[in-house]
């Protein structure tokens, strides 16, 4: 289950799929260690899953986790 404010943003992103463009998702934290890199990857993964849940095809999504 997504937080309502985040889900609203994901639904707005869904409108981009009509533009036939790739959507880049970047997960960010500060640069303090391995645990933050894991957090960054988890954030990215969450957003990717939310995007596919609202109908954005995986082929339109690109991601990068930045520690």
N, C-alpha and C. Protein backbone atom coordinates (compact mmCIF):
# COMPACT_ATOMS: atom_id res chain seq x y z
N UNK A 1 0.85 -1.18 0.00
CA UNK A 1 0.00 0.00 0.00
C UNK A 1 0.89 1.24 0.00
N UNK A 2 0.53 2.19 -0.81
CA UNK A 2 1.33 3.41 -0.94
C UNK A 2 0.69 4.53 -0.12
N UNK A 3 1.52 5.45 0.33
CA UNK A 3 0.99 6.63 0.98
C UNK A 3 0.21 7.43 -0.05
N UNK A 4 -0.90 8.01 0.35
CA UNK A 4 -1.77 8.71 -0.61
C UNK A 4 -1.05 9.78 -1.40
N UNK A 5 -0.22 10.59 -0.75
CA UNK A 5 0.45 11.67 -1.49
C UNK A 5 1.43 11.10 -2.51
N UNK A 6 2.09 10.00 -2.19
CA UNK A 6 3.00 9.38 -3.15
C UNK A 6 2.24 8.73 -4.29
N UNK A 7 1.13 8.10 -3.98
CA UNK A 7 0.35 7.44 -5.02
C UNK A 7 -0.19 8.46 -6.02
N UNK A 8 -0.57 9.63 -5.53
CA UNK A 8 -1.03 10.69 -6.43
C UNK A 8 0.08 11.07 -7.40
N UNK A 9 1.30 11.18 -6.91
CA UNK A 9 2.43 11.49 -7.79
C UNK A 9 2.67 10.39 -8.81
N UNK A 10 2.54 9.13 -8.39
CA UNK A 10 2.72 8.01 -9.31
C UNK A 10 1.65 8.05 -10.39
N UNK A 11 0.42 8.36 -10.01
CA UNK A 11 -0.65 8.44 -11.01
C UNK A 11 -0.37 9.56 -12.01
N UNK A 12 0.22 10.66 -11.55
CA UNK A 12 0.58 11.74 -12.47
C UNK A 12 1.69 11.29 -13.41
N UNK A 13 2.63 10.51 -12.90
CA UNK A 13 3.71 9.99 -13.73
C UNK A 13 3.14 9.08 -14.82
N UNK A 14 2.08 8.37 -14.49
CA UNK A 14 1.46 7.47 -15.46
C UNK A 14 1.09 8.22 -16.74
N UNK A 15 0.75 9.47 -16.62
CA UNK A 15 0.40 10.26 -17.80
C UNK A 15 1.59 10.38 -18.76
N UNK A 16 2.80 10.25 -18.26
CA UNK A 16 3.99 10.33 -19.10
C UNK A 16 4.08 9.17 -20.08
N UNK A 17 3.43 8.06 -19.77
CA UNK A 17 3.55 6.90 -20.65
C UNK A 17 2.96 7.18 -22.02
N UNK A 18 2.09 8.13 -22.10
CA UNK A 18 1.52 8.51 -23.39
C UNK A 18 2.53 9.27 -24.25
N UNK A 19 3.55 9.82 -23.62
CA UNK A 19 4.56 10.61 -24.34
C UNK A 19 5.60 9.73 -25.03
N UNK A 20 5.54 8.43 -24.81
CA UNK A 20 6.46 7.48 -25.43
C UNK A 20 7.93 7.78 -25.09
N UNK A 21 8.16 8.15 -23.88
CA UNK A 21 9.52 8.44 -23.41
C UNK A 21 9.90 7.48 -22.30
N UNK A 22 11.19 7.36 -22.08
CA UNK A 22 11.69 6.59 -20.94
C UNK A 22 11.52 7.42 -19.67
N UNK A 23 11.27 6.75 -18.59
CA UNK A 23 11.15 7.41 -17.30
C UNK A 23 12.32 6.96 -16.44
N UNK A 24 13.12 7.92 -15.96
CA UNK A 24 14.26 7.63 -15.11
C UNK A 24 13.85 7.77 -13.66
N UNK A 25 14.18 6.77 -12.86
CA UNK A 25 13.93 6.80 -11.42
C UNK A 25 15.28 6.73 -10.73
N UNK A 26 15.54 7.70 -9.84
CA UNK A 26 16.80 7.71 -9.09
C UNK A 26 16.50 7.69 -7.60
N UNK A 27 17.16 6.77 -6.89
CA UNK A 27 17.04 6.70 -5.44
C UNK A 27 18.22 7.41 -4.81
N UNK A 28 17.95 8.33 -3.89
CA UNK A 28 19.02 9.12 -3.27
C UNK A 28 19.00 8.98 -1.75
N UNK A 29 20.17 9.06 -1.16
CA UNK A 29 20.37 9.23 0.29
C UNK A 29 21.64 10.06 0.44
N UNK A 30 22.15 10.15 1.65
CA UNK A 30 23.46 10.79 1.79
C UNK A 30 24.54 9.75 1.50
N UNK A 31 25.78 10.09 1.67
CA UNK A 31 26.86 9.18 1.28
C UNK A 31 27.50 8.47 2.48
N UNK A 32 26.71 8.15 3.49
CA UNK A 32 27.25 7.58 4.72
C UNK A 32 27.09 6.06 4.80
N UNK A 33 27.78 5.35 3.95
CA UNK A 33 27.90 3.92 4.13
C UNK A 33 27.00 3.01 3.32
N UNK A 34 27.25 1.71 3.53
CA UNK A 34 26.55 0.67 2.78
C UNK A 34 25.06 0.64 3.07
N UNK A 35 24.67 0.93 4.31
CA UNK A 35 23.25 0.88 4.65
C UNK A 35 22.45 1.90 3.84
N UNK A 36 23.06 3.04 3.56
CA UNK A 36 22.36 4.04 2.76
C UNK A 36 22.26 3.63 1.30
N UNK A 37 23.23 2.88 0.80
CA UNK A 37 23.13 2.38 -0.56
C UNK A 37 21.98 1.40 -0.66
N UNK A 38 21.83 0.57 0.36
CA UNK A 38 20.70 -0.37 0.39
C UNK A 38 19.38 0.39 0.43
N UNK A 39 19.31 1.43 1.24
CA UNK A 39 18.12 2.26 1.33
C UNK A 39 17.81 2.90 -0.02
N UNK A 40 18.83 3.40 -0.68
CA UNK A 40 18.68 4.01 -2.00
C UNK A 40 18.10 3.00 -2.99
N UNK A 41 18.62 1.78 -2.99
CA UNK A 41 18.11 0.73 -3.89
C UNK A 41 16.67 0.38 -3.55
N UNK A 42 16.34 0.31 -2.26
CA UNK A 42 14.97 0.00 -1.86
C UNK A 42 13.99 1.09 -2.29
N UNK A 43 14.41 2.34 -2.18
CA UNK A 43 13.55 3.45 -2.63
C UNK A 43 13.29 3.36 -4.12
N UNK A 44 14.34 3.08 -4.87
CA UNK A 44 14.20 2.96 -6.32
C UNK A 44 13.27 1.80 -6.66
N UNK A 45 13.47 0.68 -6.00
CA UNK A 45 12.64 -0.50 -6.24
C UNK A 45 11.17 -0.22 -5.95
N UNK A 46 10.90 0.48 -4.85
CA UNK A 46 9.54 0.82 -4.48
C UNK A 46 8.86 1.66 -5.56
N UNK A 47 9.56 2.67 -6.05
CA UNK A 47 8.98 3.55 -7.07
C UNK A 47 8.75 2.78 -8.37
N UNK A 48 9.69 1.91 -8.75
CA UNK A 48 9.52 1.10 -9.95
C UNK A 48 8.29 0.21 -9.83
N UNK A 49 8.11 -0.42 -8.67
CA UNK A 49 6.94 -1.28 -8.47
C UNK A 49 5.65 -0.47 -8.53
N UNK A 50 5.66 0.71 -7.93
CA UNK A 50 4.48 1.56 -7.95
C UNK A 50 4.14 1.98 -9.37
N UNK A 51 5.15 2.28 -10.16
CA UNK A 51 4.92 2.68 -11.56
C UNK A 51 4.30 1.54 -12.36
N UNK A 52 4.81 0.34 -12.19
CA UNK A 52 4.24 -0.79 -12.92
C UNK A 52 2.83 -1.10 -12.42
N UNK A 53 2.57 -0.86 -11.15
CA UNK A 53 1.23 -1.09 -10.60
C UNK A 53 0.17 -0.18 -11.22
N UNK A 54 0.57 1.01 -11.66
CA UNK A 54 -0.40 1.93 -12.28
C UNK A 54 -0.39 1.83 -13.80
N UNK A 55 0.33 0.83 -14.33
CA UNK A 55 0.23 0.56 -15.75
C UNK A 55 1.38 1.02 -16.62
N UNK A 56 2.46 1.48 -16.03
CA UNK A 56 3.62 1.87 -16.82
C UNK A 56 4.43 0.61 -17.11
N UNK A 57 4.67 0.34 -18.37
CA UNK A 57 5.38 -0.88 -18.76
C UNK A 57 6.84 -0.80 -18.34
N UNK A 58 7.38 -1.95 -17.89
CA UNK A 58 8.76 -2.00 -17.42
C UNK A 58 9.77 -1.51 -18.46
N UNK A 59 9.47 -1.70 -19.72
CA UNK A 59 10.40 -1.30 -20.77
C UNK A 59 10.57 0.21 -20.85
N UNK A 60 9.65 0.97 -20.25
CA UNK A 60 9.75 2.43 -20.26
C UNK A 60 10.50 2.96 -19.04
N UNK A 61 10.86 2.08 -18.13
CA UNK A 61 11.48 2.50 -16.88
C UNK A 61 12.97 2.20 -16.86
N UNK A 62 13.73 3.16 -16.41
CA UNK A 62 15.17 3.01 -16.17
C UNK A 62 15.42 3.48 -14.75
N UNK A 63 16.37 2.86 -14.07
CA UNK A 63 16.61 3.26 -12.69
C UNK A 63 18.10 3.32 -12.37
N UNK A 64 18.37 4.09 -11.31
CA UNK A 64 19.73 4.25 -10.83
C UNK A 64 19.64 4.56 -9.33
N UNK A 65 20.44 3.87 -8.55
CA UNK A 65 20.50 4.14 -7.11
C UNK A 65 21.79 4.86 -6.81
N UNK A 66 21.66 5.99 -6.13
CA UNK A 66 22.81 6.83 -5.82
C UNK A 66 22.93 6.91 -4.31
N UNK A 67 23.88 6.20 -3.74
CA UNK A 67 24.08 6.10 -2.30
C UNK A 67 23.84 7.27 -1.48
